[in-house]
Amino acid sequence: MRKIFSLAFMVLAFFLGWLLYRSIEEPITFADERAVRQDAVAEKLKTIRTTQEMYRDITGVFAPNFDTLKQVLRNERFMEVRIIGDPDDPDFDPTTAYDTIYSPAIDSVEALGINLDDLEIVPFTENVSFEISADTIDYQSTKVPVVQVGIPYKEFMGRFADARFKRYDQRYDPNKPIKFGDLSKPSLAGNWE
């Protein structure tokens, strides 16, 4: 009888040990996986922000969708105006020359190592695209272009897309988006920064 109790207590001890290990392992795994996935998505959003800024330099507004963004960056050119002479120097020759140079946008895109083919695809997903919105608003009596690009955490967090993981981080909300930009004010800041 004593051997049966010893064996039962040993099995119970192993089971409780496994529960203890599991209760410690899950929050650590969640935190590690969240950091890896969030960093990858944030890097992709930084790349999209850079391409949106390039698009704005060419067109004066932000791209409302990824097809337009990619088409303009592949086919249009940047305009650069160089001033020869100093128009503000009173002792300088009054003739000032302006030289306009055009350079293909795709050259800058390639120099930065940006792949336009999968620009809109969210990391850790099966071809899920970022949500993109662009508009022009009145801000301090001026019309300004605005953009917002993002995706809810639940789209790229895999098995950790459940609200129950909030118990490990009170700020975690799988329905909250990771994004940059704002449609109500001219800002390109990311909410992860």
Protein backbone atom coordinates (compact mmCIF):
# COMPACT_ATOMS: atom_id res chain seq x y z
CA MET A 1 0.00 0.00 0.00
CA ARG A 2 2.88 2.31 0.84
CA LYS A 3 4.41 1.80 -2.64
CA ILE A 4 1.10 2.78 -4.26
CA PHE A 5 0.95 6.03 -2.25
CA SER A 6 4.60 6.77 -3.03
CA LEU A 7 3.97 6.16 -6.73
CA ALA A 8 0.79 8.30 -6.64
CA PHE A 9 2.63 11.16 -4.90
CA MET A 10 5.49 10.89 -7.40
CA VAL A 11 3.04 11.13 -10.31
CA LEU A 12 1.31 14.07 -8.59
CA ALA A 13 4.68 15.80 -8.04
CA PHE A 14 5.61 15.40 -11.72
CA PHE A 15 2.19 16.71 -12.78
CA LEU A 16 2.46 19.76 -10.49
CA GLY A 17 6.01 20.35 -11.70
CA TRP A 18 4.78 20.26 -15.31
CA LEU A 19 2.00 22.77 -14.44
CA LEU A 20 4.54 25.06 -12.80
CA TYR A 21 6.83 24.87 -15.82
CA ARG A 22 3.90 25.54 -18.17
CA SER A 23 2.76 28.57 -16.16
CA ILE A 24 6.25 30.09 -16.43
CA GLU A 25 6.99 29.06 -20.03
CA GLU A 26 3.85 30.50 -21.67
CA PRO A 27 4.33 34.18 -20.67
CA ILE A 28 8.00 34.05 -21.65
CA THR A 29 7.17 32.50 -25.02
CA PHE A 30 4.42 35.09 -25.56
CA ALA A 31 6.73 38.01 -24.75
CA ASP A 32 9.50 36.68 -27.01
CA GLU A 33 7.18 35.92 -29.92
CA ARG A 34 5.38 39.25 -29.59
CA ALA A 35 8.70 41.13 -29.67
CA VAL A 36 9.90 39.27 -32.78
CA ARG A 37 6.63 39.69 -34.68
CA GLN A 38 6.07 43.31 -33.64
CA ASP A 39 9.64 44.26 -34.65
CA ALA A 40 9.23 42.64 -38.08
CA VAL A 41 5.91 44.42 -38.70
CA ALA A 42 7.33 47.74 -37.44
CA GLU A 43 10.28 47.42 -39.84
CA LYS A 44 7.88 46.79 -42.73
CA LEU A 45 5.81 49.83 -41.69
CA LYS A 46 8.98 51.96 -41.64
CA THR A 47 9.69 50.85 -45.21
CA ILE A 48 6.13 51.72 -46.27
CA ARG A 49 6.48 55.11 -44.56
CA THR A 50 9.65 55.77 -46.56
CA THR A 51 7.92 54.86 -49.83
CA GLN A 52 4.93 57.05 -48.93
CA GLU A 53 7.30 59.98 -48.34
CA MET A 54 8.87 59.34 -51.75
CA TYR A 55 5.41 59.25 -53.32
CA ARG A 56 4.55 62.56 -51.63
CA ASP A 57 7.78 64.12 -52.95
CA ILE A 58 6.71 63.18 -56.47
CA THR A 59 2.95 63.88 -56.36
CA GLY A 60 2.37 66.21 -53.42
CA VAL A 61 -0.06 63.79 -51.71
CA PHE A 62 0.08 60.31 -50.19
CA ALA A 63 -0.87 57.15 -52.08
CA PRO A 64 -4.41 55.89 -51.34
CA ASN A 65 -3.50 52.26 -52.17
CA PHE A 66 -0.47 50.07 -52.76
CA ASP A 67 -1.03 49.62 -56.50
CA THR A 68 -0.83 53.38 -57.09
CA LEU A 69 2.15 53.68 -54.75
CA LYS A 70 4.12 50.99 -56.57
CA GLN A 71 3.16 52.22 -60.04
CA VAL A 72 4.34 55.78 -59.33
CA LEU A 73 7.59 54.66 -57.71
CA ARG A 74 8.37 52.39 -60.66
CA ASN A 75 7.55 54.88 -63.42
CA GLU A 76 7.84 58.47 -62.19
CA ARG A 77 10.79 60.74 -61.44
CA PHE A 78 11.96 63.00 -58.64
CA MET A 79 12.51 66.65 -59.49
CA GLU A 80 15.50 68.37 -57.91
CA VAL A 81 16.09 72.10 -58.34
CA ARG A 82 19.66 73.28 -57.84
CA ILE A 83 20.41 76.96 -57.28
CA ILE A 84 23.66 78.18 -58.75
CA GLY A 85 24.80 81.29 -56.91
CA ASP A 86 23.49 82.79 -53.67
CA PRO A 87 20.36 84.88 -54.19
CA ASP A 88 20.64 86.24 -50.61
CA ASP A 89 24.23 87.51 -50.87
CA PRO A 90 24.19 91.30 -51.57
CA ASP A 91 27.86 91.38 -52.70
CA PHE A 92 27.40 88.53 -55.15
CA ASP A 93 26.63 88.76 -58.85
CA PRO A 94 22.85 89.30 -59.13
CA THR A 95 22.45 86.55 -61.68
CA THR A 96 21.25 83.36 -60.08
CA ALA A 97 20.65 80.25 -62.13
CA TYR A 98 18.27 77.42 -61.42
CA ASP A 99 19.01 73.95 -62.75
CA THR A 100 16.29 71.28 -62.70
CA ILE A 101 17.35 67.63 -62.64
CA TYR A 102 15.03 64.63 -62.90
CA SER A 103 16.00 61.25 -61.52
CA PRO A 104 13.97 58.02 -61.69
CA ALA A 105 12.30 57.14 -58.39
CA ILE A 106 13.01 53.44 -58.91
CA ASP A 107 16.75 54.17 -58.63
CA SER A 108 16.23 55.52 -55.11
CA VAL A 109 13.93 52.62 -54.22
CA GLU A 110 16.52 50.08 -55.36
CA ALA A 111 19.37 51.97 -53.64
CA LEU A 112 17.47 51.63 -50.36
CA GLY A 113 16.95 47.89 -50.97
CA ILE A 114 13.16 48.16 -51.00
CA ASN A 115 11.27 45.33 -52.70
CA LEU A 116 8.06 46.80 -54.14
CA ASP A 117 6.64 43.39 -55.10
CA ASP A 118 5.69 42.40 -51.54
CA LEU A 119 5.49 45.86 -49.99
CA GLU A 120 1.91 45.50 -48.75
CA ILE A 121 2.26 41.95 -47.31
CA VAL A 122 2.28 41.75 -43.49
CA PRO A 123 5.08 39.54 -42.08
CA PHE A 124 3.99 36.25 -40.45
CA THR A 125 0.76 36.09 -42.48
CA GLU A 126 -0.57 34.30 -45.53
CA ASN A 127 -0.65 37.26 -47.95
CA VAL A 128 -2.59 39.59 -45.63
CA SER A 129 -2.17 43.23 -46.71
CA PHE A 130 -1.74 46.31 -44.55
CA GLU A 131 -4.75 48.62 -44.34
CA ILE A 132 -4.01 51.96 -46.03
CA SER A 133 -5.94 55.24 -46.06
CA ALA A 134 -4.92 58.62 -47.47
CA ASP A 135 -6.73 61.93 -47.58
CA THR A 136 -6.28 65.69 -47.60
CA ILE A 137 -7.51 67.62 -44.56
CA ASP A 138 -7.72 71.23 -43.41
CA TYR A 139 -5.15 71.70 -40.67
CA GLN A 140 -4.49 75.17 -39.27
CA SER A 141 -6.19 76.78 -42.28
CA THR A 142 -4.05 74.82 -44.73
CA LYS A 143 -4.81 71.76 -46.85
CA VAL A 144 -2.35 69.02 -45.94
CA PRO A 145 -2.06 65.40 -47.10
CA VAL A 146 -2.43 62.71 -44.42
CA VAL A 147 -1.97 58.95 -44.45
CA GLN A 148 -2.46 56.02 -42.09
CA VAL A 149 -1.15 52.49 -42.63
CA GLY A 150 -1.51 49.67 -40.13
CA ILE A 151 -2.84 46.25 -39.19
CA PRO A 152 -4.42 44.82 -36.00
CA TYR A 153 -2.13 42.64 -33.88
CA LYS A 154 -4.51 39.69 -34.24
CA GLU A 155 -3.64 39.44 -37.95
CA PHE A 156 0.05 38.62 -37.40
CA MET A 157 0.26 37.23 -33.84
CA GLY A 158 -0.67 33.65 -34.81
CA ARG A 159 -1.63 31.54 -31.80
CA PHE A 160 -1.10 34.57 -29.53
CA ALA A 161 -3.91 36.56 -31.18
CA ASP A 162 -6.26 35.76 -28.30
CA ALA A 163 -7.30 38.36 -25.70
CA ARG A 164 -6.46 35.89 -22.91
CA PHE A 165 -2.77 36.80 -23.34
CA LYS A 166 -3.58 40.24 -21.95
CA ARG A 167 -2.99 38.74 -18.51
CA TYR A 168 0.73 38.68 -19.34
CA ASP A 169 0.79 42.31 -20.57
CA GLN A 170 -2.00 44.72 -19.61
CA ARG A 171 -1.28 46.92 -22.67
CA TYR A 172 -1.74 44.04 -25.11
CA ASP A 173 -4.95 44.22 -27.15
CA PRO A 174 -5.10 41.96 -30.22
CA ASN A 175 -7.70 44.24 -31.83
CA LYS A 176 -5.51 47.34 -31.51
CA PRO A 177 -3.59 48.21 -34.67
CA ILE A 178 0.12 48.75 -35.03
CA LYS A 179 0.28 51.73 -37.39
CA PHE A 180 1.94 54.91 -38.51
CA GLY A 181 0.28 58.14 -39.52
CA ASP A 182 -3.01 59.76 -38.56
CA LEU A 183 -6.00 60.81 -40.65
CA SER A 184 -6.87 63.68 -38.30
CA LYS A 185 -3.49 65.48 -38.23
CA PRO A 186 -0.29 65.60 -40.28
CA SER A 187 1.85 63.02 -38.52
CA LEU A 188 3.86 60.04 -39.73
CA ALA A 189 4.74 58.80 -36.25
CA GLY A 190 4.36 55.11 -35.50
CA ASN A 191 2.50 53.99 -32.40
CA TRP A 192 5.28 51.48 -31.62
CA GLU A 193 7.90 54.26 -31.36
